[in-house]
Amino acid sequence: MATYEEDATKNYVPSKTLDSAYPLIDCDPHISRVYGYSRPTDWLLAAGIAAIAPVGMWVMERVQPARVSPGGFPLGQQSSYRFYGLNENKREQEMDMREMVDKIKKGKPLYGESTMTPYMQGVAARNSRYSGVWLYVIPWFNFANHNQAGLVLNCIMDN
C-alpha cells in the first residue's frame, strides 16, 4: 500500500496546453474567479441569451397558443475562455497577477486552502480542467481548491 508521501509525489498529471493566441491564465479556474473576473459584456451576453427562450416562447404562444410557461438557463462561457487564453485576456492577466502577488506577500496559498489529500486534489483538477469549454453541454465548475492550475508560476514569483 502506498504511503501518503508516495501519493503526494505521484498525484500531478500535467494538463494539455491549448494552442491559442492569448496566454493561459488558469486551465481550471475556481468558480469564484470565473464570475469574479467576468466583464460587463459577459453579463449582457448572458442576459441576451437568457431572454431568447422567453421571447421565443412568447412569439410561439402568439402564433399558436400552447399555454406553456417560458424558461431558459443561460451559461456565459466568455470568462472561462479568457482564463484558457482562447479570447483576449489582458485585463484578466493583470487582475490575476495582482491577486497572486498579493497572496504571495500575505503568505497565503495561491489557490486557496485545501482539506483534500494531494491525490484527491489531483483527481479534482483532472475532473474539471477545461470544463468551461463544455458549459453549454453540462454545467461543470471547479469548486475545489488545489495547486494544479496548469501553468508555471515563475513569472508571478519574479514580481
Protein backbone atom coordinates (compact mmCIF):
# COMPACT_ATOMS: atom_id res chain seq x y z
CA MET A 1 0.00 0.00 0.00
CA ALA A 2 1.36 3.42 -0.95
CA THR A 3 2.13 5.92 1.77
CA TYR A 4 0.85 9.47 1.86
CA GLU A 5 4.29 10.78 0.82
CA GLU A 6 4.41 8.42 -2.18
CA ASP A 7 0.90 9.51 -3.24
CA ALA A 8 1.93 13.16 -2.97
CA THR A 9 4.75 12.66 -5.48
CA LYS A 10 2.55 10.81 -7.99
CA ASN A 11 -0.56 13.00 -7.93
CA TYR A 12 0.35 15.64 -10.50
CA VAL A 13 -0.60 14.99 -14.11
CA PRO A 14 0.37 17.91 -16.38
CA SER A 15 -2.54 19.42 -18.26
CA LYS A 16 -2.67 19.75 -22.01
CA THR A 17 -1.86 23.23 -23.26
CA LEU A 18 -4.20 24.58 -25.91
CA ASP A 19 -2.77 26.41 -28.90
CA SER A 20 -4.26 29.89 -28.53
CA ALA A 21 -3.48 33.48 -29.44
CA TYR A 22 -3.56 34.62 -25.80
CA PRO A 23 -1.65 33.37 -22.75
CA LEU A 24 -3.10 30.73 -20.44
CA ILE A 25 -4.05 32.14 -17.04
CA ASP A 26 -5.55 29.04 -15.42
CA CYS A 27 -6.82 25.87 -17.09
CA ASP A 28 -9.02 25.05 -14.08
CA PRO A 29 -10.25 28.35 -12.58
CA HIS A 30 -12.35 28.25 -9.41
CA ILE A 31 -15.96 29.33 -9.95
CA SER A 32 -15.44 32.40 -7.76
CA ARG A 33 -12.67 33.58 -10.10
CA VAL A 34 -14.68 32.82 -13.26
CA TYR A 35 -17.58 35.01 -12.17
CA GLY A 36 -15.39 37.48 -10.29
CA TYR A 37 -13.41 38.25 -13.44
CA SER A 38 -16.49 38.49 -15.67
CA ARG A 39 -16.78 41.61 -17.78
CA PRO A 40 -19.97 43.66 -18.17
CA THR A 41 -20.21 42.37 -21.75
CA ASP A 42 -20.33 38.80 -20.37
CA TRP A 43 -23.34 39.70 -18.23
CA LEU A 44 -25.03 41.41 -21.20
CA LEU A 45 -24.43 38.34 -23.35
CA ALA A 46 -25.86 36.07 -20.63
CA ALA A 47 -28.89 38.35 -20.26
CA GLY A 48 -29.41 38.29 -24.03
CA ILE A 49 -29.16 34.51 -24.15
CA ALA A 50 -31.50 34.25 -21.16
CA ALA A 51 -34.03 36.41 -22.99
CA ILE A 52 -34.02 34.30 -26.17
CA ALA A 53 -36.08 31.41 -24.79
CA PRO A 54 -38.82 33.52 -23.13
CA VAL A 55 -39.11 35.80 -26.17
CA GLY A 56 -39.21 32.80 -28.48
CA MET A 57 -41.87 31.15 -26.34
CA TRP A 58 -43.87 34.39 -26.29
CA VAL A 59 -43.71 34.62 -30.09
CA MET A 60 -44.72 30.97 -30.49
CA GLU A 61 -47.54 31.45 -27.97
CA ARG A 62 -48.85 34.39 -30.03
CA VAL A 63 -48.70 32.37 -33.26
CA GLN A 64 -50.16 29.13 -31.92
CA PRO A 65 -51.19 29.16 -28.22
CA ALA A 66 -49.99 26.17 -26.24
CA ARG A 67 -50.24 27.65 -22.73
CA VAL A 68 -46.63 26.71 -21.87
CA SER A 69 -44.57 28.84 -19.49
CA PRO A 70 -41.30 30.15 -20.90
CA GLY A 71 -37.89 29.37 -19.39
CA GLY A 72 -34.18 29.25 -20.08
CA PHE A 73 -30.85 28.55 -18.40
CA PRO A 74 -28.00 30.59 -19.93
CA LEU A 75 -24.38 29.99 -19.05
CA GLY A 76 -21.79 32.53 -20.11
CA GLN A 77 -18.51 30.97 -21.15
CA GLN A 78 -16.57 34.07 -22.11
CA SER A 79 -14.85 34.46 -18.74
CA SER A 80 -13.67 30.84 -18.81
CA TYR A 81 -12.46 31.27 -22.39
CA ARG A 82 -10.31 34.19 -21.27
CA PHE A 83 -8.79 32.09 -18.47
CA TYR A 84 -7.90 29.46 -21.07
CA GLY A 85 -6.39 32.08 -23.39
CA LEU A 86 -8.96 31.45 -26.11
CA ASN A 87 -10.17 35.08 -26.05
CA GLU A 88 -8.37 38.37 -25.41
CA ASN A 89 -7.40 38.38 -21.72
CA LYS A 90 -5.10 41.33 -20.93
CA ARG A 91 -7.44 42.64 -18.20
CA GLU A 92 -7.70 39.20 -16.60
CA GLN A 93 -3.90 38.73 -16.74
CA GLU A 94 -3.45 41.96 -14.81
CA MET A 95 -6.15 41.03 -12.27
CA ASP A 96 -4.64 37.56 -11.84
CA MET A 97 -1.12 38.94 -11.38
CA ARG A 98 -2.37 41.44 -8.77
CA GLU A 99 -4.30 38.72 -6.94
CA MET A 100 -1.41 36.24 -6.93
CA VAL A 101 1.24 38.79 -5.91
CA ASP A 102 -0.99 39.95 -3.04
CA LYS A 103 -1.41 36.36 -1.87
CA ILE A 104 2.34 35.75 -2.02
CA LYS A 105 3.02 38.91 0.01
CA LYS A 106 0.48 37.80 2.63
CA GLY A 107 1.98 34.29 2.71
CA LYS A 108 -1.28 32.67 1.61
CA PRO A 109 -1.55 29.71 -0.78
CA LEU A 110 -2.12 30.91 -4.35
CA TYR A 111 -5.21 28.83 -4.99
CA GLY A 112 -6.76 28.70 -1.51
CA GLU A 113 -6.59 26.29 1.41
CA SER A 114 -7.48 22.69 0.68
CA THR A 115 -8.58 19.99 3.10
CA MET A 116 -8.08 17.28 0.48
CA THR A 117 -5.07 15.00 0.18
CA PRO A 118 -2.68 15.80 -2.67
CA TYR A 119 -4.01 12.76 -4.53
CA MET A 120 -7.63 13.95 -4.27
CA GLN A 121 -6.56 17.45 -5.33
CA GLY A 122 -5.12 15.86 -8.46
CA VAL A 123 -8.35 13.96 -9.08
CA ALA A 124 -10.37 17.17 -8.66
CA ALA A 125 -8.06 19.02 -11.04
CA ARG A 126 -8.22 16.33 -13.72
CA ASN A 127 -12.03 16.17 -13.49
CA SER A 128 -12.56 19.88 -14.08
CA ARG A 129 -9.71 21.05 -16.34
CA TYR A 130 -11.06 22.93 -19.34
CA SER A 131 -14.61 22.08 -18.23
CA GLY A 132 -15.72 25.61 -19.14
CA VAL A 133 -15.41 24.69 -22.82
CA TRP A 134 -18.39 22.34 -22.41
CA LEU A 135 -20.62 24.55 -20.23
CA TYR A 136 -23.31 24.54 -22.89
CA VAL A 137 -23.48 20.74 -22.61
CA ILE A 138 -23.21 20.30 -18.84
CA PRO A 139 -22.55 22.93 -16.15
CA TRP A 140 -19.36 21.62 -14.55
CA PHE A 141 -17.43 24.03 -12.35
CA ASN A 142 -14.35 23.78 -10.18
CA PHE A 143 -15.36 24.13 -6.53
CA ALA A 144 -12.13 22.55 -5.18
CA ASN A 145 -9.06 24.47 -4.10
CA HIS A 146 -5.91 22.82 -5.44
CA ASN A 147 -2.45 23.82 -6.58
CA GLN A 148 -2.69 22.40 -10.11
CA ALA A 149 -3.58 25.42 -12.21
CA GLY A 150 -1.78 24.12 -15.27
CA LEU A 151 0.84 26.84 -15.63
CA VAL A 152 4.33 27.72 -14.50
CA LEU A 153 4.31 30.26 -11.68
CA ASN A 154 7.83 31.65 -12.22
CA CYS A 155 6.50 34.92 -13.68
CA ILE A 156 4.45 35.51 -10.53
CA MET A 157 7.36 34.70 -8.24
CA ASP A 158 9.56 37.23 -10.13
CA ASN A 159 7.12 40.03 -9.27
